[in-house]
C-alpha atoms as a PDB file:
ATOM      1  CA  MET A   1      65.341  19.498 -64.400  1.00  0.00           C
ATOM      2  CA  GLU A   2      62.940  20.833 -67.281  1.00  0.00           C
ATOM      3  CA  ILE A   3      59.576  19.010 -65.669  1.00  0.00           C
ATOM      4  CA  MET A   4      60.713  21.075 -62.352  1.00  0.00           C
ATOM      5  CA  PHE A   5      61.027  24.283 -63.985  1.00  0.00           C
ATOM      6  CA  LEU A   6      57.283  23.671 -65.572  1.00  0.00           C
ATOM      7  CA  LEU A   7      56.045  22.462 -62.198  1.00  0.00           C
ATOM      8  CA  SER A   8      57.346  25.752 -60.413  1.00  0.00           C
ATOM      9  CA  VAL A   9      56.092  27.769 -63.462  1.00  0.00           C
ATOM     10  CA  LEU A  10      52.494  26.013 -62.908  1.00  0.00           C
ATOM     11  CA  LEU A  11      52.470  26.627 -59.169  1.00  0.00           C
ATOM     12  CA  SER A  12      53.862  29.974 -59.504  1.00  0.00           C
ATOM     13  CA  LEU A  13      50.428  30.495 -61.884  1.00  0.00           C
ATOM     14  CA  VAL A  14      48.110  28.958 -59.229  1.00  0.00           C
ATOM     15  CA  SER A  15      49.643  30.824 -56.269  1.00  0.00           C
ATOM     16  CA  ILE A  16      49.090  34.464 -58.281  1.00  0.00           C
ATOM     17  CA  VAL A  17      45.579  33.489 -59.214  1.00  0.00           C
ATOM     18  CA  CYS A  18      44.835  33.118 -55.345  1.00  0.00           C
ATOM     19  CA  TRP A  19      46.335  36.060 -54.574  1.00  0.00           C
ATOM     20  CA  ILE A  20      43.833  38.046 -57.135  1.00  0.00           C
ATOM     21  CA  ILE A  21      41.193  36.248 -55.812  1.00  0.00           C
ATOM     22  CA  ILE A  22      42.328  36.977 -52.036  1.00  0.00           C
ATOM     23  CA  LEU A  23      42.889  40.938 -53.746  1.00  0.00           C
ATOM     24  CA  ILE A  24      39.686  41.351 -54.237  1.00  0.00           C
ATOM     25  CA  LYS A  25      38.448  40.068 -50.925  1.00  0.00           C
ATOM     26  CA  LEU A  26      40.665  42.324 -49.651  1.00  0.00           C
ATOM     27  CA  PHE A  27      39.169  45.378 -51.607  1.00  0.00           C
ATOM     28  CA  ASN A  28      35.602  44.224 -51.302  1.00  0.00           C
ATOM     29  CA  PHE A  29      35.634  43.942 -47.617  1.00  0.00           C
ATOM     30  CA  GLU A  30      38.480  46.801 -46.672  1.00  0.00           C
ATOM     31  CA  GLY A  31      39.020  48.773 -48.863  1.00  0.00           C
ATOM     32  CA  VAL A  32      40.737  50.237 -50.988  1.00  0.00           C
ATOM     33  CA  GLY A  33      43.712  51.247 -49.036  1.00  0.00           C
ATOM     34  CA  LYS A  34      44.517  48.359 -47.789  1.00  0.00           C
ATOM     35  CA  GLY A  35      43.641  46.638 -51.424  1.00  0.00           C
ATOM     36  CA  ILE A  36      46.628  48.443 -52.501  1.00  0.00           C
ATOM     37  CA  PHE A  37      48.947  47.404 -49.399  1.00  0.00           C
ATOM     38  CA  GLY A  38      47.619  43.684 -50.329  1.00  0.00           C
ATOM     39  CA  ILE A  39      49.179  44.522 -54.073  1.00  0.00           C
ATOM     40  CA  ILE A  40      51.764  45.762 -52.904  1.00  0.00           C
ATOM     41  CA  CYS A  41      52.828  43.478 -49.967  1.00  0.00           C
ATOM     42  CA  GLY A  42      51.346  40.101 -51.013  1.00  0.00           C
ATOM     43  CA  LEU A  43      52.348  38.704 -47.150  1.00  0.00           C
ATOM     44  CA  TYR A  44      49.735  41.253 -45.953  1.00  0.00           C
ATOM     45  CA  ALA A  45      47.519  39.621 -48.244  1.00  0.00           C
ATOM     46  CA  PHE A  46      48.491  36.225 -47.154  1.00  0.00           C
ATOM     47  CA  ILE A  47      47.970  36.353 -43.115  1.00  0.00           C
ATOM     48  CA  TRP A  48      44.952  38.303 -43.984  1.00  0.00           C
ATOM     49  CA  GLY A  49      43.174  35.630 -46.102  1.00  0.00           C
ATOM     50  CA  TRP A  50      44.027  32.993 -43.458  1.00  0.00           C
ATOM     51  CA  GLN A  51      42.326  35.449 -40.907  1.00  0.00           C
ATOM     52  CA  LYS A  52      39.513  35.920 -42.546  1.00  0.00           C
ATOM     53  CA  ALA A  53      39.063  32.134 -44.643  1.00  0.00           C
ATOM     54  CA  ASP A  54      35.842  31.594 -42.126  1.00  0.00           C
ATOM     55  CA  ALA A  55      34.352  34.501 -41.627  1.00  0.00           C
ATOM     56  CA  HIS A  56      34.591  35.244 -45.779  1.00  0.00           C
ATOM     57  CA  ASN A  57      34.026  31.626 -47.016  1.00  0.00           C
ATOM     58  CA  HIS A  58      37.596  31.397 -48.864  1.00  0.00           C
ATOM     59  CA  LYS A  59      39.711  28.628 -46.725  1.00  0.00           C
ATOM     60  CA  ASN A  60      39.769  26.239 -49.761  1.00  0.00           C
ATOM     61  CA  ILE A  61      41.356  29.148 -51.767  1.00  0.00           C
ATOM     62  CA  MET A  62      43.672  29.499 -48.798  1.00  0.00           C
ATOM     63  CA  ILE A  63      44.256  26.256 -48.605  1.00  0.00           C
ATOM     64  CA  ILE A  64      45.675  25.669 -52.379  1.00  0.00           C
ATOM     65  CA  TRP A  65      47.514  29.109 -52.040  1.00  0.00           C
ATOM     66  CA  SER A  66      49.624  27.924 -49.109  1.00  0.00           C
ATOM     67  CA  ILE A  67      49.828  24.114 -50.788  1.00  0.00           C
ATOM     68  CA  CYS A  68      51.288  25.654 -53.842  1.00  0.00           C
ATOM     69  CA  ALA A  69      53.886  28.088 -52.016  1.00  0.00           C
ATOM     70  CA  VAL A  70      55.383  25.297 -49.698  1.00  0.00           C
ATOM     71  CA  VAL A  71      55.969  22.983 -52.651  1.00  0.00           C
ATOM     72  CA  ASN A  72      57.241  25.643 -54.683  1.00  0.00           C
ATOM     73  CA  ILE A  73      59.592  26.547 -52.257  1.00  0.00           C
ATOM     74  CA  ILE A  74      60.422  22.791 -51.645  1.00  0.00           C
ATOM     75  CA  LEU A  75      60.898  22.743 -55.394  1.00  0.00           C
ATOM     76  CA  SER A  76      63.218  25.575 -55.345  1.00  0.00           C
ATOM     77  CA  PHE A  77      65.624  24.116 -53.028  1.00  0.00           C
ATOM     78  CA  THR A  78      65.648  20.321 -54.679  1.00  0.00           C
ATOM     79  CA  SER A  79      66.405  21.806 -57.952  1.00  0.00           C
ATOM     80  CA  GLN A  80      69.486  23.419 -57.285  1.00  0.00           C
END
């Protein structure tokens, strides 16, 4: 049980790092307004990241973020 919790924390930290990287790109390419919206609504940053993954060269970050999110959701359901 403790290992599952630590794995979930690690996956969450990796997800936050990916989110911050995408937020930096969002601020650079879309401006302050959309960047702030990406902070308030992480789902917007996630969707924008996938929409612009090829154009802005961050597909690997989006793949890592997606895998971390899915595995973390699976862990949260199986550890209860």
